[in-house]
């Protein structure tokens, strides 16, 4: 790591971004595994009903009901949260890169990275 007052190096930035990606994927995996276990605990013995079509319930489409369902120990919303964390991880990497480039005063890369972030968020 850099010392106070010293410019952050590319190596430092790469290590921090690598840790962000690693821990984001590990956290996501843990959340999905816990959600899968909760789902199997509650629904493992049920028979699937393929002849019935049911759309996604509100708890799977909106943040408030999703978090209430997670607090109630429901598995599918927990899995959904894990997938959201997995999707958010590379987006956070881009945001983190912007701050790193700002510290390095590399404004061309700041502009390029902001453009990439804008395109991703626009399509999200």
Protein backbone atom coordinates (compact mmCIF):
# COMPACT_ATOMS: atom_id res chain seq x y z
CA UNK A 1 0.00 0.00 0.00
CA UNK A 2 1.02 3.58 -0.52
CA UNK A 3 2.22 5.73 2.34
CA UNK A 4 0.35 8.93 3.30
CA UNK A 5 1.14 11.76 0.94
CA UNK A 6 2.39 9.35 -1.71
CA UNK A 7 0.61 8.90 -5.02
CA UNK A 8 -1.36 5.66 -5.34
CA UNK A 9 0.34 3.26 -7.72
CA UNK A 10 -1.26 1.18 -10.44
CA UNK A 11 -0.30 -1.95 -8.49
CA UNK A 12 -2.08 -0.68 -5.38
CA UNK A 13 -5.18 0.11 -7.42
CA UNK A 14 -5.15 -3.31 -9.08
CA UNK A 15 -4.81 -5.07 -5.71
CA UNK A 16 -7.71 -3.14 -4.20
CA UNK A 17 -9.93 -3.77 -7.22
CA UNK A 18 -8.98 -7.46 -7.16
CA UNK A 19 -9.99 -7.67 -3.51
CA UNK A 20 -13.28 -5.91 -4.26
CA UNK A 21 -14.08 -8.45 -6.98
CA UNK A 22 -12.97 -11.42 -4.90
CA UNK A 23 -14.98 -10.45 -1.82
CA UNK A 24 -18.01 -9.45 -3.89
CA UNK A 25 -18.13 -12.88 -5.53
CA UNK A 26 -17.53 -14.65 -2.20
CA UNK A 27 -20.29 -12.64 -0.50
CA UNK A 28 -22.67 -13.30 -3.38
CA UNK A 29 -21.90 -17.01 -3.29
CA UNK A 30 -22.49 -17.21 0.45
CA UNK A 31 -25.83 -15.40 0.13
CA UNK A 32 -26.99 -17.68 -2.71
CA UNK A 33 -25.94 -20.82 -0.80
CA UNK A 34 -27.79 -19.69 2.33
CA UNK A 35 -30.84 -18.84 0.23
CA UNK A 36 -30.70 -22.19 -1.53
CA UNK A 37 -30.50 -24.02 1.78
CA UNK A 38 -33.45 -22.03 3.15
CA UNK A 39 -35.45 -22.74 -0.01
CA UNK A 40 -34.74 -26.47 0.13
CA UNK A 41 -35.54 -26.55 3.84
CA UNK A 42 -38.97 -25.02 3.21
CA UNK A 43 -39.83 -26.44 -0.22
CA UNK A 44 -37.58 -29.45 -0.81
CA UNK A 45 -40.36 -32.00 -0.50
CA UNK A 46 -42.87 -30.24 -2.74
CA UNK A 47 -43.80 -31.53 -6.16
CA UNK A 48 -43.34 -29.01 -8.99
CA UNK A 49 -46.53 -27.93 -10.78
CA UNK A 50 -45.40 -27.39 -14.34
CA UNK A 51 -48.97 -27.26 -15.68
CA UNK A 52 -49.64 -24.02 -13.77
CA UNK A 53 -48.14 -20.68 -14.75
CA UNK A 54 -47.50 -18.22 -11.98
CA UNK A 55 -45.80 -14.90 -12.56
CA UNK A 56 -43.20 -13.61 -10.15
CA UNK A 57 -44.77 -12.39 -6.91
CA UNK A 58 -44.32 -8.78 -5.81
CA UNK A 59 -41.76 -9.81 -3.20
CA UNK A 60 -39.43 -10.81 -6.03
CA UNK A 61 -39.85 -7.56 -7.99
CA UNK A 62 -39.70 -4.78 -5.39
CA UNK A 63 -37.06 -3.98 -2.79
CA UNK A 64 -39.32 -3.50 0.25
CA UNK A 65 -41.22 -6.80 -0.04
CA UNK A 66 -37.97 -8.56 -1.03
CA UNK A 67 -36.21 -7.54 2.20
CA UNK A 68 -39.27 -8.40 4.31
CA UNK A 69 -39.32 -11.87 2.73
CA UNK A 70 -35.59 -12.27 3.43
CA UNK A 71 -36.17 -11.35 7.09
CA UNK A 72 -38.90 -14.01 7.16
CA UNK A 73 -36.32 -16.60 6.08
CA UNK A 74 -37.65 -17.20 2.57
CA UNK A 75 -35.08 -18.74 0.25
CA UNK A 76 -35.94 -17.41 -3.23
CA UNK A 77 -35.70 -13.73 -2.22
CA UNK A 78 -32.37 -14.49 -0.52
CA UNK A 79 -31.09 -16.06 -3.75
CA UNK A 80 -32.32 -12.98 -5.63
CA UNK A 81 -30.32 -10.78 -3.26
CA UNK A 82 -27.20 -12.89 -3.87
CA UNK A 83 -27.59 -12.49 -7.62
CA UNK A 84 -28.04 -8.74 -7.18
CA UNK A 85 -24.78 -8.59 -5.19
CA UNK A 86 -23.07 -10.56 -7.97
CA UNK A 87 -24.32 -8.10 -10.61
CA UNK A 88 -23.42 -5.10 -8.45
CA UNK A 89 -19.83 -6.27 -7.89
CA UNK A 90 -18.38 -5.33 -11.32
CA UNK A 91 -20.41 -2.11 -11.29
CA UNK A 92 -18.78 -1.21 -7.96
CA UNK A 93 -15.44 -2.05 -9.54
CA UNK A 94 -16.10 0.57 -12.20
CA UNK A 95 -17.09 3.15 -9.56
CA UNK A 96 -13.98 2.29 -7.55
CA UNK A 97 -11.84 2.67 -10.68
CA UNK A 98 -13.19 6.19 -11.21
CA UNK A 99 -11.96 7.22 -7.76
CA UNK A 100 -8.62 5.53 -8.39
CA UNK A 101 -8.16 7.39 -11.67
CA UNK A 102 -9.13 10.65 -9.96
CA UNK A 103 -6.44 10.05 -7.33
CA UNK A 104 -3.95 9.38 -10.12
CA UNK A 105 -5.20 12.51 -11.93
CA UNK A 106 -5.71 10.44 -15.07
CA UNK A 107 -8.71 12.40 -16.37
CA UNK A 108 -8.91 10.66 -19.74
CA UNK A 109 -9.54 7.34 -17.99
CA UNK A 110 -11.99 9.03 -15.62
CA UNK A 111 -13.99 10.20 -18.65
CA UNK A 112 -13.82 6.80 -20.35
CA UNK A 113 -14.81 4.97 -17.18
CA UNK A 114 -17.68 7.39 -16.50
CA UNK A 115 -18.91 6.71 -20.03
CA UNK A 116 -18.76 2.95 -19.47
CA UNK A 117 -20.63 3.35 -16.16
CA UNK A 118 -23.30 5.52 -17.80
CA UNK A 119 -23.84 2.96 -20.59
CA UNK A 120 -24.13 0.10 -18.10
CA UNK A 121 -26.54 1.98 -15.83
CA UNK A 122 -28.60 3.16 -18.81
CA UNK A 123 -29.03 -0.45 -19.96
CA UNK A 124 -29.64 -1.76 -16.47
